[in-house]
Every structure is written in C-alpha cells, then in structure tokens.
Amino acid sequence: ELWRLDAATGTPVLVKDINPGAGHSQIGNITKCGDHAFFTAYDGQSLGLYHTDGSESGTVRLTSLANVDSLDMVAAHGTLYFIGPGSTTLFKSDGTPEGTVALFPTGNASMNLVGETANGLLFQTGGYIWQTDGTIGAVERLAPVADVYDPGITVDGVRYFTSGDAASSQLWRSDGTVGGSYEIDVPGAAVNFVDVGGTVYFLIGESSGV
C-alpha cells in the first residue's frame, strides 16, 4: 500500500488502503508532479492511475489502465503526461478524473516520452520528435528522430537526449522549437545524463566500455 512519512514526527503513515484486506495494490510508477504525486495501483478489480496529495481523501482514482501492459509517465509544468493503451495515444492529467484526457493519437505508431522543455513536453513518434503544450490536438513536429535510446535530462528549458541505439546513436538538444532542435556531435552513445550547476555531464560509450 501507499505510505508517507509525517513531516513533523517522521512517523510512517498509511495514506490509503487501495486494495482493502490482504490483497496487494501493486503500486508503481510513482511520479512527482508539483506538490502532488501520481502512481498506478490495483484496486482488486483492475489497474488504474491515481493522484494523491498525501491524504486519504485526496488520493483518487483517475482512470482505468486495464489494457496497459506498461506505463510511461512524465511530469512537465505541473501536468502529468502518459501513454495510453497500445502505446499509441498521448494523455495528460491535471489530477482530476475530468482533467485526465487524450491529447494526441498516433494511429499505429508507437510513442516515447522524452521530457520537459521550456514550454511543454517533448515526445517521439512516427520518426520525429514533437512538442505539446498540453492543448488537445495542438502538437508541433520538430525534427526527424527515429527512436530514443536515452531520454536524457532537461537543463534551463533545454532537453538533452540520445537517439538511436547503442550501435548507432546521436546526441540531441531541443528547446521545443524547430530551430532549437538539432544534433550535437559526440564520439559515441551519450548516456547517464546529470545536471551539475547548469552544466550537463554524461558518459560516452566506447569499444572498451562506458
């Protein structure tokens, strides 16, 4: 079940028994979004997406995820983005059932969430990277990217990530605009990104290892 530590006493507190009794709630995918969090859980009937403010009454089920095998969730600018059933539709949630809605269907193309930019969310599908600001149906195609190897990190509104795979990859940066999305030449696969005081550090894979 979902627990939290009381900020004043450090005492563990049960937030909510989502699957009452001896059943396991299978809680996973806990994602911080502003001062709240989203997570997935099983209520004894089906898997669902939940939102919590840390209280029992503020822990609510948003939508069913009964047909989702795995869930990719990313928070950007106070909104949760996730990929729905079949990995072909981008959804968003503001933490309420009525605010959990489909944003962009890709047809039959699979989708990868990349991360936050200065003004929205970067994602990859159909051989391109795209940006959304959370408006239903409003997405912008930015640059051709076949796949995402490492989703990377956001620093000062710019997302740095690696496309391709271990054998053939490319470092990218994108600020969410066409002109600000381009490749950066590096001698190998860039992985394990970290931000130290506004400087991006990463590892480069070589023939002898990383």
Protein backbone atom coordinates (compact mmCIF):
# COMPACT_ATOMS: atom_id res chain seq x y z
CA GLU A 1 0.00 0.00 0.00
CA LEU A 2 0.94 3.67 -0.26
CA TRP A 3 2.64 5.20 2.80
CA ARG A 4 4.28 8.52 3.62
CA LEU A 5 6.45 9.90 6.41
CA ASP A 6 4.85 12.53 8.64
CA ALA A 7 6.92 15.68 8.11
CA ALA A 8 6.72 16.72 11.76
CA THR A 9 7.36 13.40 13.52
CA GLY A 10 8.99 11.20 10.87
CA THR A 11 6.39 8.54 11.65
CA PRO A 12 5.19 6.29 8.80
CA VAL A 13 1.53 6.94 7.93
CA LEU A 14 -0.70 4.80 5.70
CA VAL A 15 -2.08 7.12 3.03
CA LYS A 16 -4.80 4.81 1.70
CA ASP A 17 -5.57 1.10 1.57
CA ILE A 18 -6.40 0.92 -2.13
CA ASN A 19 -6.96 -2.84 -2.24
CA PRO A 20 -8.55 -3.48 1.19
CA GLY A 21 -7.76 -6.66 3.05
CA ALA A 22 -4.85 -8.96 2.33
CA GLY A 23 -4.69 -8.13 -1.38
CA HIS A 24 -1.66 -6.38 -2.88
CA SER A 25 -2.22 -2.99 -4.53
CA GLN A 26 0.79 -3.42 -6.88
CA ILE A 27 1.67 0.27 -6.54
CA GLY A 28 4.20 1.55 -9.04
CA ASN A 29 5.25 4.38 -11.35
CA ILE A 30 5.21 6.98 -8.54
CA THR A 31 5.83 10.31 -10.28
CA LYS A 32 6.22 13.69 -8.56
CA CYS A 33 4.24 16.49 -10.18
CA GLY A 34 4.41 19.81 -8.36
CA ASP A 35 3.41 19.28 -4.73
CA HIS A 36 1.43 16.14 -5.55
CA ALA A 37 2.16 12.70 -6.99
CA PHE A 38 0.69 10.25 -9.47
CA PHE A 39 1.00 6.48 -9.32
CA THR A 40 -0.55 3.28 -10.62
CA ALA A 41 -2.32 0.75 -8.40
CA TYR A 42 -4.58 -2.29 -8.46
CA ASP A 43 -7.84 -1.97 -6.51
CA GLY A 44 -8.77 -5.65 -6.62
CA GLN A 45 -10.60 -5.28 -9.93
CA SER A 46 -8.26 -3.52 -12.37
CA LEU A 47 -5.14 -1.40 -12.66
CA GLY A 48 -5.72 2.34 -12.51
CA LEU A 49 -4.00 5.71 -12.49
CA TYR A 50 -4.18 7.57 -9.16
CA HIS A 51 -3.40 11.06 -7.88
CA THR A 52 -2.55 11.92 -4.28
CA ASP A 53 -1.92 14.99 -2.17
CA GLY A 54 -0.73 12.78 0.69
CA SER A 55 -4.12 12.46 2.39
CA GLU A 56 -6.63 9.59 2.25
CA SER A 57 -9.43 11.80 0.90
CA GLY A 58 -7.06 13.38 -1.61
CA THR A 59 -5.99 10.03 -3.07
CA VAL A 60 -8.32 9.37 -6.01
CA ARG A 61 -8.55 7.04 -8.96
CA LEU A 62 -8.43 8.94 -12.25
CA THR A 63 -8.86 6.36 -14.97
CA SER A 64 -8.63 2.65 -15.70
CA LEU A 65 -5.43 1.25 -17.17
CA ALA A 66 -6.85 -2.24 -17.66
CA ASN A 67 -5.42 -2.60 -21.18
CA VAL A 68 -1.99 -1.09 -20.47
CA ASP A 69 0.95 -3.51 -20.29
CA SER A 70 3.47 -0.89 -19.11
CA LEU A 71 3.17 2.83 -18.44
CA ASP A 72 5.46 5.67 -19.39
CA MET A 73 4.77 8.75 -17.22
CA VAL A 74 6.46 12.17 -17.29
CA ALA A 75 5.61 15.36 -15.37
CA ALA A 76 6.05 18.68 -17.14
CA HIS A 77 4.95 22.13 -15.95
CA GLY A 78 2.53 20.74 -13.36
CA THR A 79 0.84 18.32 -15.75
CA LEU A 80 1.27 14.55 -15.94
CA TYR A 81 1.68 13.05 -19.41
CA PHE A 82 1.38 9.34 -20.07
CA ILE A 83 0.97 6.90 -22.95
CA GLY A 84 -2.31 5.03 -23.04
CA PRO A 85 -3.39 1.57 -24.20
CA GLY A 86 -1.45 0.23 -27.17
CA SER A 87 1.29 2.86 -26.69
CA THR A 88 -0.28 4.93 -29.48
CA THR A 89 -2.11 7.77 -27.68
CA LEU A 90 -0.69 10.58 -25.56
CA PHE A 91 -2.77 11.50 -22.49
CA LYS A 92 -2.49 14.27 -19.90
CA SER A 93 -3.86 14.69 -16.39
CA ASP A 94 -4.27 17.65 -14.06
CA GLY A 95 -5.01 15.32 -11.13
CA THR A 96 -8.79 15.14 -11.60
CA PRO A 97 -10.85 12.46 -13.41
CA GLU A 98 -12.38 15.05 -15.73
CA GLY A 99 -8.96 16.54 -16.45
CA THR A 100 -7.47 13.18 -17.48
CA VAL A 101 -7.92 13.22 -21.25
CA ALA A 102 -6.42 12.08 -24.55
CA LEU A 103 -4.22 14.66 -26.27
CA PHE A 104 -2.83 13.14 -29.42
CA PRO A 105 -3.41 9.79 -31.18
CA THR A 106 -0.59 8.50 -33.39
CA GLY A 107 -2.55 5.88 -35.30
CA ASN A 108 -0.46 2.72 -35.37
CA ALA A 109 2.89 4.33 -34.48
CA SER A 110 4.41 3.68 -31.06
CA MET A 111 5.44 6.61 -28.87
CA ASN A 112 8.27 7.55 -26.48
CA LEU A 113 8.09 10.33 -23.90
CA VAL A 114 11.34 12.33 -23.84
CA GLY A 115 10.86 15.06 -21.25
CA GLU A 116 10.14 18.66 -20.31
CA THR A 117 11.18 21.67 -22.38
CA ALA A 118 10.81 25.36 -21.59
CA ASN A 119 7.18 25.44 -22.70
CA GLY A 120 5.91 21.88 -22.86
CA LEU A 121 6.64 18.20 -23.32
CA LEU A 122 8.91 16.58 -25.89
CA PHE A 123 7.91 13.17 -27.29
CA GLN A 124 8.89 10.92 -30.18
CA THR A 125 6.65 9.07 -32.62
CA GLY A 126 6.48 8.28 -36.32
CA GLY A 127 10.16 9.01 -36.91
CA TYR A 128 10.06 12.55 -35.46
CA ILE A 129 10.26 14.43 -32.19
CA TRP A 130 7.26 16.59 -31.35
CA GLN A 131 6.28 19.15 -28.72
CA THR A 132 2.95 19.70 -26.98
CA ASP A 133 1.99 22.48 -24.60
CA GLY A 134 -0.87 20.39 -23.23
CA THR A 135 -3.55 21.76 -25.55
CA ILE A 136 -5.68 18.95 -27.01
CA GLY A 137 -4.66 18.24 -30.60
CA ALA A 138 -2.03 21.00 -30.65
CA VAL A 139 1.35 19.39 -31.34
CA GLU A 140 4.32 20.63 -33.36
CA ARG A 141 6.68 18.40 -35.35
CA LEU A 142 10.26 19.49 -34.70
CA ALA A 143 12.88 17.20 -36.25
CA PRO A 144 13.41 13.69 -37.65
CA VAL A 145 14.36 11.28 -34.83
CA ALA A 146 13.84 7.56 -35.49
CA ASP A 147 13.95 6.35 -31.89
CA VAL A 148 15.01 7.34 -28.35
CA TYR A 149 17.91 5.48 -26.71
CA ASP A 150 18.27 7.62 -23.55
CA PRO A 151 15.57 10.22 -22.70
CA GLY A 152 18.24 12.37 -21.05
CA ILE A 153 17.79 15.47 -18.93
CA THR A 154 16.34 19.00 -19.01
CA VAL A 155 18.62 21.91 -18.12
CA ASP A 156 17.44 25.52 -18.33
CA GLY A 157 14.47 24.57 -20.51
CA VAL A 158 16.51 22.53 -22.98
CA ARG A 159 16.17 18.76 -23.25
CA TYR A 160 19.33 16.77 -23.99
CA PHE A 161 18.76 13.17 -25.09
CA THR A 162 20.22 10.38 -27.23
CA SER A 163 18.50 8.93 -30.28
CA GLY A 164 19.06 5.57 -31.99
CA ASP A 165 20.59 2.62 -30.17
CA ALA A 166 23.91 1.54 -28.64
CA ALA A 167 25.37 0.67 -32.05
CA SER A 168 24.26 3.84 -33.83
CA SER A 169 23.26 6.86 -31.78
CA GLN A 170 23.26 10.66 -31.75
CA LEU A 171 23.13 13.29 -29.01
CA TRP A 172 20.32 15.82 -29.45
CA ARG A 173 19.21 19.04 -27.81
CA SER A 174 15.78 20.62 -28.10
CA ASP A 175 14.19 23.69 -26.56
CA GLY A 176 10.81 22.77 -28.05
CA THR A 177 11.24 24.77 -31.26
CA VAL A 178 12.21 23.71 -34.78
CA GLY A 179 15.27 25.98 -34.85
CA GLY A 180 16.36 24.92 -31.36
CA SER A 181 16.24 21.17 -32.09
CA TYR A 182 19.44 19.74 -33.53
CA GLU A 183 22.17 17.12 -33.23
CA ILE A 184 25.37 17.59 -31.23
CA ASP A 185 28.41 15.72 -32.48
CA VAL A 186 29.87 13.33 -29.87
CA PRO A 187 32.11 10.25 -30.37
CA GLY A 188 29.68 7.59 -29.16
CA ALA A 189 26.43 6.89 -27.30
CA ALA A 190 25.72 9.55 -24.65
CA VAL A 191 24.05 8.07 -21.53
CA ASN A 192 23.55 8.71 -17.80
CA PHE A 193 22.95 12.46 -18.00
CA VAL A 194 23.25 14.63 -14.88
CA ASP A 195 22.95 18.36 -14.23
CA VAL A 196 25.59 19.94 -12.00
CA GLY A 197 25.05 23.67 -11.57
CA GLY A 198 23.64 24.07 -15.06
CA THR A 199 26.35 22.03 -16.77
CA VAL A 200 25.34 18.78 -18.46
CA TYR A 201 27.55 15.77 -17.76
CA PHE A 202 27.16 12.38 -19.45
CA LEU A 203 29.02 9.18 -20.24
CA ILE A 204 30.16 8.14 -23.72
CA GLY A 205 30.16 4.51 -24.78
CA GLU A 206 33.39 3.32 -26.41
CA SER A 207 34.61 -0.01 -27.74
CA SER A 208 36.29 -0.71 -24.38
CA GLY A 209 33.10 0.07 -22.41
CA VAL A 210 31.45 3.14 -20.87
